[in-house]
Each structure stands twice: as structure tokens, then as C-alpha cells.
Amino acid sequence: MDNIKEFSDFSDSIRSTELRRLAKKLIKENTRITFYGKAWSASKADWIYFDRVFDFKKTTEKIRIWRKYN
């Protein structure tokens, strides 16, 4: 699984505009998808796991700014 091309772009299935944009950005940057599918919980949504560590404070701020201007 060393190649992102082993997976399809599942980001189109994400309902949240902000999260879909983030997923597409990660895919464009060749961030490896490590899992796509049903969550371990009772959630009906599919989950996408990326091989990336985030600074959530910084990411949340970027989403807040994006929402303000879009």
C-alpha cells in the first residue's frame, strides 16, 4: 500500500464541503489513504483514514476562515 493509486478517490462521497476539500487536498498531496470503509462504531458514514498527523487547532482555524469568505 505504498502507492496512493491503489485506492480510488473516495472523497466525493464526503458530505461536508470542508472535509471533502481537505480530503481532496490530502489526496492531491499524495497523502496515503490507510483505510476507507465502515467505522467500528454504529455510525453509518464511511470513514477515510490518512497517514498524516494534523495540528487540529491550525486546521480548525483555516476551516473557520474559509467558511467566513465562502
C-alpha atoms as a PDB file:
ATOM      1  CA  MET A   1       0.000   0.000   0.000  1.00  0.00           C
ATOM      2  CA  ASP A   2       2.855   2.356  -0.690  1.00  0.00           C
ATOM      3  CA  ASN A   3       1.112   3.926  -3.635  1.00  0.00           C
ATOM      4  CA  ILE A   4      -1.961   6.175  -3.392  1.00  0.00           C
ATOM      5  CA  LYS A   5      -3.079   4.854  -6.792  1.00  0.00           C
ATOM      6  CA  GLU A   6      -4.035   1.590  -5.098  1.00  0.00           C
ATOM      7  CA  PHE A   7      -7.138   3.412  -3.854  1.00  0.00           C
ATOM      8  CA  SER A   8      -9.825   5.334  -5.684  1.00  0.00           C
ATOM      9  CA  ASP A   9     -10.653   8.907  -4.729  1.00  0.00           C
ATOM     10  CA  PHE A  10     -13.365   8.278  -2.153  1.00  0.00           C
ATOM     11  CA  SER A  11     -13.526  11.961  -1.226  1.00  0.00           C
ATOM     12  CA  ASP A  12     -16.558  12.598  -3.464  1.00  0.00           C
ATOM     13  CA  SER A  13     -18.649  10.585  -1.002  1.00  0.00           C
ATOM     14  CA  ILE A  14     -17.938  13.073   1.825  1.00  0.00           C
ATOM     15  CA  ARG A  15     -20.975  15.270   2.509  1.00  0.00           C
ATOM     16  CA  SER A  16     -19.212  18.048   4.414  1.00  0.00           C
ATOM     17  CA  THR A  17     -17.809  20.625   1.989  1.00  0.00           C
ATOM     18  CA  GLU A  18     -14.913  21.479   4.301  1.00  0.00           C
ATOM     19  CA  LEU A  19     -13.924  17.868   4.937  1.00  0.00           C
ATOM     20  CA  ARG A  20     -14.265  16.989   1.243  1.00  0.00           C
ATOM     21  CA  ARG A  21     -11.919  19.884   0.362  1.00  0.00           C
ATOM     22  CA  LEU A  22      -9.444  18.710   2.991  1.00  0.00           C
ATOM     23  CA  ALA A  23      -9.555  15.116   1.721  1.00  0.00           C
ATOM     24  CA  LYS A  24      -9.051  16.231  -1.882  1.00  0.00           C
ATOM     25  CA  LYS A  25      -6.082  18.370  -0.800  1.00  0.00           C
ATOM     26  CA  LEU A  26      -4.524  15.425   1.019  1.00  0.00           C
ATOM     27  CA  ILE A  27      -5.038  13.145  -1.967  1.00  0.00           C
ATOM     28  CA  LYS A  28      -3.527  15.763  -4.295  1.00  0.00           C
ATOM     29  CA  GLU A  29      -0.505  15.934  -1.953  1.00  0.00           C
ATOM     30  CA  ASN A  30      -0.174  12.118  -2.275  1.00  0.00           C
ATOM     31  CA  THR A  31      -1.007  11.519   1.380  1.00  0.00           C
ATOM     32  CA  ARG A  32      -1.532   7.783   1.695  1.00  0.00           C
ATOM     33  CA  ILE A  33      -5.052   6.508   2.430  1.00  0.00           C
ATOM     34  CA  THR A  34      -4.710   3.755   5.010  1.00  0.00           C
ATOM     35  CA  PHE A  35      -8.381   2.808   5.369  1.00  0.00           C
ATOM     36  CA  TYR A  36     -11.721   3.503   3.715  1.00  0.00           C
ATOM     37  CA  GLY A  37     -14.915   1.872   4.860  1.00  0.00           C
ATOM     38  CA  LYS A  38     -17.373   1.394   7.689  1.00  0.00           C
ATOM     39  CA  ALA A  39     -16.429   2.752  11.087  1.00  0.00           C
ATOM     40  CA  TRP A  40     -16.012   0.474  14.098  1.00  0.00           C
ATOM     41  CA  SER A  41     -18.930   2.325  15.696  1.00  0.00           C
ATOM     42  CA  ALA A  42     -22.613   2.312  14.781  1.00  0.00           C
ATOM     43  CA  SER A  43     -22.014   5.309  12.513  1.00  0.00           C
ATOM     44  CA  LYS A  44     -23.469   4.840   9.043  1.00  0.00           C
ATOM     45  CA  ALA A  45     -20.872   7.074   7.431  1.00  0.00           C
ATOM     46  CA  ASP A  46     -17.815   5.688   5.694  1.00  0.00           C
ATOM     47  CA  TRP A  47     -14.512   6.729   7.206  1.00  0.00           C
ATOM     48  CA  ILE A  48     -11.313   7.662   5.426  1.00  0.00           C
ATOM     49  CA  TYR A  49      -8.042   7.378   7.338  1.00  0.00           C
ATOM     50  CA  PHE A  50      -4.994   9.221   6.056  1.00  0.00           C
ATOM     51  CA  ASP A  51      -1.387   8.603   7.010  1.00  0.00           C
ATOM     52  CA  ARG A  52      -0.945  12.148   8.323  1.00  0.00           C
ATOM     53  CA  VAL A  53      -0.708  13.911  11.684  1.00  0.00           C
ATOM     54  CA  PHE A  54      -2.655  17.175  11.958  1.00  0.00           C
ATOM     55  CA  ASP A  55      -2.380  20.301  14.015  1.00  0.00           C
ATOM     56  CA  PHE A  56      -6.134  20.438  14.701  1.00  0.00           C
ATOM     57  CA  LYS A  57      -6.062  23.962  16.123  1.00  0.00           C
ATOM     58  CA  LYS A  58      -4.446  25.263  12.934  1.00  0.00           C
ATOM     59  CA  THR A  59      -6.713  23.174  10.672  1.00  0.00           C
ATOM     60  CA  THR A  60      -9.873  24.279  12.518  1.00  0.00           C
ATOM     61  CA  GLU A  61      -8.830  27.912  12.184  1.00  0.00           C
ATOM     62  CA  LYS A  62      -8.281  27.505   8.428  1.00  0.00           C
ATOM     63  CA  ILE A  63     -11.764  25.973   8.060  1.00  0.00           C
ATOM     64  CA  ARG A  64     -13.289  28.818  10.097  1.00  0.00           C
ATOM     65  CA  ILE A  65     -11.617  31.415   7.853  1.00  0.00           C
ATOM     66  CA  TRP A  66     -12.659  29.525   4.702  1.00  0.00           C
ATOM     67  CA  ARG A  67     -16.297  29.462   5.895  1.00  0.00           C
ATOM     68  CA  LYS A  68     -16.198  33.199   6.569  1.00  0.00           C
ATOM     69  CA  TYR A  69     -15.243  34.008   2.969  1.00  0.00           C
ATOM     70  CA  ASN A  70     -17.108  31.281   1.060  1.00  0.00           C
END
